[in-house]
Protein backbone atom coordinates (compact mmCIF):
# COMPACT_ATOMS: atom_id res chain seq x y z
CA MET A 1 -71.23 23.50 -56.18
CA ILE A 2 -67.49 24.19 -56.44
CA LYS A 3 -67.39 27.97 -56.07
CA ASP A 4 -65.86 29.14 -52.77
CA LYS A 5 -65.15 25.61 -51.55
CA VAL A 6 -61.80 25.14 -49.81
CA VAL A 7 -60.04 22.17 -51.39
CA ILE A 8 -56.77 20.60 -50.26
CA ILE A 9 -54.84 18.70 -52.95
CA THR A 10 -51.81 16.51 -52.27
CA GLY A 11 -49.47 15.53 -55.07
CA ALA A 12 -50.33 18.93 -56.51
CA SER A 13 -47.00 19.76 -58.17
CA SER A 14 -47.64 17.88 -61.44
CA GLY A 15 -49.95 15.61 -63.41
CA ILE A 16 -53.47 15.05 -62.13
CA GLY A 17 -52.89 17.14 -59.01
CA GLU A 18 -51.74 20.18 -60.94
CA ALA A 19 -54.52 19.87 -63.51
CA THR A 20 -57.12 19.50 -60.78
CA ALA A 21 -55.85 22.53 -58.89
CA LYS A 22 -56.13 24.68 -62.01
CA LYS A 23 -59.55 23.33 -62.94
CA LEU A 24 -61.06 23.82 -59.49
CA ALA A 25 -59.52 27.28 -59.08
CA HIS A 26 -60.94 28.26 -62.46
CA ASP A 27 -64.35 27.11 -61.22
CA GLY A 28 -64.07 29.31 -58.13
CA ALA A 29 -62.60 27.01 -55.47
CA LYS A 30 -59.93 28.12 -53.02
CA VAL A 31 -57.18 25.55 -53.50
CA VAL A 32 -54.51 24.54 -50.99
CA LEU A 33 -51.62 22.76 -52.68
CA GLY A 34 -49.33 20.24 -51.02
CA ALA A 35 -46.27 18.44 -52.40
CA ARG A 36 -42.54 18.17 -51.76
CA ASN A 37 -41.42 20.38 -54.66
CA THR A 38 -42.08 23.94 -53.52
CA ASP A 39 -40.61 25.48 -56.69
CA LYS A 40 -43.29 23.78 -58.77
CA LEU A 41 -46.00 24.56 -56.21
CA SER A 42 -45.03 28.23 -56.24
CA LYS A 43 -45.19 28.34 -60.04
CA ILE A 44 -48.62 26.67 -60.12
CA ALA A 45 -50.01 28.90 -57.37
CA ASN A 46 -48.73 32.00 -59.19
CA GLU A 47 -50.32 30.87 -62.44
CA ILE A 48 -53.63 30.36 -60.66
CA THR A 49 -53.60 33.75 -58.93
CA GLU A 50 -52.54 35.53 -62.11
CA ALA A 51 -55.56 33.97 -63.81
CA GLY A 52 -57.82 35.38 -61.09
CA GLY A 53 -58.06 32.30 -58.86
CA GLN A 54 -57.15 31.68 -55.23
CA ALA A 55 -54.29 29.32 -54.35
CA VAL A 56 -51.85 28.83 -51.51
CA TYR A 57 -49.30 26.09 -50.99
CA GLN A 58 -47.19 24.37 -48.38
CA LYS A 59 -44.37 21.86 -48.64
CA THR A 60 -45.84 18.48 -47.74
CA ASP A 61 -44.34 15.01 -47.51
CA VAL A 62 -47.32 12.68 -47.18
CA THR A 63 -45.13 9.95 -45.68
CA LYS A 64 -44.87 12.13 -42.57
CA ARG A 65 -48.05 12.22 -40.52
CA GLU A 66 -47.21 15.62 -39.08
CA ASP A 67 -46.98 17.11 -42.58
CA SER A 68 -50.54 16.05 -43.40
CA GLN A 69 -51.76 17.60 -40.16
CA LYS A 70 -49.81 20.79 -40.85
CA LEU A 71 -51.37 21.02 -44.31
CA VAL A 72 -54.89 20.82 -42.87
CA ASP A 73 -54.00 23.37 -40.18
CA PHE A 74 -52.51 25.64 -42.85
CA ALA A 75 -55.71 25.47 -44.90
CA LYS A 76 -57.79 26.35 -41.86
CA ASP A 77 -55.50 29.26 -40.98
CA LYS A 78 -55.76 30.65 -44.52
CA PHE A 79 -59.46 30.07 -45.25
CA GLY A 80 -61.14 29.21 -41.93
CA HIS A 81 -62.26 25.69 -42.77
CA VAL A 82 -61.89 22.84 -45.30
CA ASP A 83 -64.62 21.45 -47.56
CA VAL A 84 -62.73 18.84 -49.58
CA ILE A 85 -59.44 16.97 -49.40
CA TYR A 86 -58.11 15.25 -52.51
CA LEU A 87 -55.50 12.66 -51.53
CA ASN A 88 -53.69 12.32 -54.83
CA ALA A 89 -49.98 11.84 -54.08
CA GLY A 90 -48.57 8.61 -55.52
CA VAL A 91 -45.46 6.82 -56.78
CA MET A 92 -45.06 3.83 -59.11
CA PRO A 93 -41.53 2.35 -59.19
CA ASN A 94 -42.80 -0.96 -60.58
CA SER A 95 -40.69 -4.09 -61.00
CA PRO A 96 -41.12 -7.89 -60.82
CA LEU A 97 -41.30 -9.21 -57.27
CA SER A 98 -38.28 -11.41 -57.99
CA GLU A 99 -36.06 -8.32 -58.16
CA LEU A 100 -36.71 -7.79 -54.44
CA ARG A 101 -36.63 -4.00 -54.61
CA VAL A 102 -37.76 -3.78 -51.00
CA GLU A 103 -36.93 -0.09 -50.68
CA ASP A 104 -39.29 0.64 -53.56
CA TRP A 105 -41.96 -1.51 -51.92
CA ASP A 106 -41.61 0.50 -48.72
CA LEU A 107 -41.84 3.77 -50.64
CA MET A 108 -45.04 2.77 -52.40
CA ILE A 109 -46.62 1.64 -49.15
CA ASP A 110 -45.57 4.85 -47.41
CA VAL A 111 -46.79 7.23 -50.14
CA ASN A 112 -49.71 5.44 -51.76
CA LEU A 113 -51.35 3.88 -48.72
CA LYS A 114 -50.02 5.45 -45.53
CA GLY A 115 -50.13 8.87 -47.21
CA VAL A 116 -53.88 8.44 -47.71
CA LEU A 117 -54.32 7.19 -44.15
CA TYR A 118 -52.42 10.16 -42.74
CA GLY A 119 -54.57 12.53 -44.79
CA ILE A 120 -57.73 10.91 -43.46
CA ALA A 121 -56.38 11.07 -39.90
CA ALA A 122 -55.72 14.79 -40.30
CA ILE A 123 -59.05 15.78 -41.88
CA LEU A 124 -61.62 13.39 -40.40
CA PRO A 125 -61.87 15.09 -36.98
CA GLU A 126 -62.51 18.41 -38.76
CA PHE A 127 -65.20 16.97 -41.00
CA ARG A 128 -66.88 15.19 -38.10
CA LYS A 129 -66.85 18.42 -36.10
CA GLN A 130 -68.46 20.46 -38.89
CA HIS A 131 -70.76 17.56 -39.88
CA SER A 132 -69.80 17.82 -43.54
CA GLY A 133 -66.92 17.33 -45.93
CA GLN A 134 -65.65 15.26 -48.83
CA ILE A 135 -62.64 12.95 -49.08
CA ILE A 136 -61.42 12.00 -52.56
CA ALA A 137 -58.51 9.64 -53.23
CA THR A 138 -56.63 8.56 -56.32
CA SER A 139 -56.33 4.81 -56.68
CA SER A 140 -55.60 3.28 -60.12
CA VAL A 141 -56.93 0.67 -62.50
CA ALA A 142 -54.16 -1.34 -60.80
CA GLY A 143 -56.43 -1.16 -57.77
CA ILE A 144 -59.09 -3.21 -59.51
CA LYS A 145 -57.01 -5.33 -61.93
CA ALA A 146 -53.73 -7.20 -61.36
CA TYR A 147 -50.86 -7.23 -63.83
CA PRO A 148 -47.26 -8.56 -63.84
CA GLY A 149 -44.69 -6.09 -62.57
CA GLY A 150 -47.22 -4.15 -60.54
CA ALA A 151 -47.75 -6.35 -57.48
CA VAL A 152 -46.85 -3.88 -54.75
CA TYR A 153 -48.19 -0.82 -56.53
CA GLY A 154 -51.43 -2.71 -57.12
CA ALA A 155 -51.55 -3.88 -53.51
CA THR A 156 -51.37 -0.30 -52.29
CA LYS A 157 -54.06 0.79 -54.73
CA TRP A 158 -56.32 -2.15 -53.82
CA GLY A 159 -55.77 -1.04 -50.24
CA VAL A 160 -56.98 2.48 -51.08
CA LYS A 161 -60.10 0.99 -52.69
CA ASP A 162 -61.00 -1.01 -49.57
CA LEU A 163 -60.06 1.81 -47.22
CA MET A 164 -62.27 4.34 -48.96
CA GLU A 165 -65.20 1.93 -49.23
CA VAL A 166 -65.13 1.22 -45.51
CA LEU A 167 -64.75 4.93 -44.78
CA ARG A 168 -67.87 5.63 -46.85
CA MET A 169 -69.83 2.96 -44.98
CA GLU A 170 -68.73 4.08 -41.53
CA CYS A 171 -69.48 7.75 -42.23
CA ALA A 172 -72.92 6.77 -43.53
CA GLN A 173 -73.61 4.60 -40.48
CA ASN A 174 -72.76 7.55 -38.24
CA ASN A 175 -74.86 10.04 -40.26
CA GLU A 176 -71.85 12.34 -40.54
CA HIS A 177 -72.64 13.75 -44.01
CA ILE A 178 -69.09 13.04 -45.20
CA ARG A 179 -68.88 12.10 -48.86
CA THR A 180 -66.18 9.90 -50.40
CA SER A 181 -65.00 9.28 -53.95
CA VAL A 182 -62.23 7.11 -55.42
CA ILE A 183 -60.70 7.77 -58.84
CA TYR A 184 -59.25 4.82 -60.79
CA PRO A 185 -57.20 6.32 -63.65
CA ALA A 186 -55.94 4.15 -66.50
CA ALA A 187 -53.22 5.49 -68.84
CA VAL A 188 -53.03 9.16 -67.94
CA HIS A 189 -50.16 11.51 -68.74
CA SER A 190 -48.06 12.03 -65.60
CA ASN A 191 -44.51 11.63 -64.31
CA LEU A 192 -45.32 8.33 -62.55
CA THR A 193 -43.72 6.23 -65.28
CA SER A 194 -40.45 8.18 -65.23
CA HIS A 195 -39.44 6.45 -61.99
CA ILE A 196 -39.92 2.82 -63.07
CA PRO A 197 -36.54 1.15 -62.46
CA ASP A 198 -37.13 -2.11 -64.35
CA LYS A 199 -36.40 -1.66 -68.07
CA LYS A 200 -38.86 -4.29 -69.29
CA VAL A 201 -41.71 -2.96 -67.17
CA ALA A 202 -40.87 0.62 -68.16
CA GLN A 203 -40.86 -0.35 -71.85
CA GLY A 204 -44.25 -2.00 -71.52
CA GLU A 205 -45.72 1.09 -69.88
CA ALA A 206 -44.17 3.31 -72.57
CA GLU A 207 -45.66 1.21 -75.36
CA VAL A 208 -49.15 1.40 -73.88
CA ARG A 209 -48.93 5.14 -73.39
CA ALA A 210 -47.46 5.72 -76.83
CA GLN A 211 -50.59 4.15 -78.34
CA THR A 212 -53.14 5.85 -76.10
CA GLU A 213 -52.90 8.21 -73.16
CA LEU A 214 -55.37 10.57 -71.52
CA SER A 215 -54.42 14.10 -70.56
CA ALA A 216 -54.51 14.89 -66.85
CA ASP A 217 -57.16 17.56 -67.29
CA LYS A 218 -59.67 14.86 -68.24
CA VAL A 219 -59.27 13.33 -64.77
CA ALA A 220 -59.48 16.80 -63.24
CA ASN A 221 -62.92 17.12 -64.84
CA VAL A 222 -64.00 13.93 -63.07
CA VAL A 223 -62.80 15.26 -59.73
CA ALA A 224 -64.73 18.47 -60.37
CA PHE A 225 -67.84 16.43 -61.19
CA ALA A 226 -67.51 14.51 -57.91
CA ILE A 227 -67.29 17.75 -55.94
CA ASP A 228 -70.12 19.39 -57.86
CA THR A 229 -72.68 16.65 -57.11
CA PRO A 230 -75.38 17.55 -54.57
CA GLU A 231 -74.28 17.57 -50.95
CA ASP A 232 -76.58 14.67 -50.10
CA THR A 233 -75.17 12.51 -52.92
CA THR A 234 -72.05 10.35 -53.04
CA VAL A 235 -70.65 8.96 -56.27
CA ASN A 236 -68.13 6.65 -54.72
CA GLU A 237 -66.14 5.28 -57.67
CA PHE A 238 -64.94 6.63 -61.02
CA THR A 239 -62.87 4.53 -63.44
CA VAL A 240 -61.48 6.80 -66.15
CA GLY A 241 -59.11 6.22 -69.03
CA PRO A 242 -58.67 6.46 -72.79
CA ALA A 243 -61.61 5.10 -74.78
CA ASP A 244 -59.17 3.09 -76.91
CA GLN A 245 -57.24 1.48 -74.03
CA ALA A 246 -58.34 -2.05 -73.13
CA TRP A 247 -57.94 -1.62 -69.41
């Protein structure tokens, strides 16, 4: 059941995060939005409240551990507790390893992997204390399949896959009633591709997406399904993409 659940969403200022916030708020959830762009967050929160939903937001840089903790504290201050955290923030400045774009490597590790870890570190004590909760993370099909130009991005997303699987197992071993789900999106409309610095890699991504691309709201529906499953049930992995993409 989604209605009245308090859901934190990182990377909520665009793409999958924005679509998920609007979908869950429409279904009755109280959404707490986190991202760096407060202008976009404000606009999204206003749209949700004007449509009759409940949304608040806070500027959040997931590469800073204290920001993740502040976001959880903010959610608790506003709504008293947290039911779900959706760790969705991500970046994808892909390039061949031979270009040695080490700064981009560091950024992907900081956002895509450490950002998820910091979110878990902030929420897990709360969920253990209340003996319930759900942690959802966005990985990628790059987290289950390798491809040229995506080595570091893929490594971070493979890392999220392993991290969330072990988290599921440990929570189950401890009988903590904490559910986990990982989303592996294929070609989905977002701003991820706009930051690819390598022209050849960017062209390849553009060609794939020009042929077939899924709207972000389709992934939002999957997130909603994961949340709406019975409280004693975990659906741990969802791979979602266009039916006509050979991912």
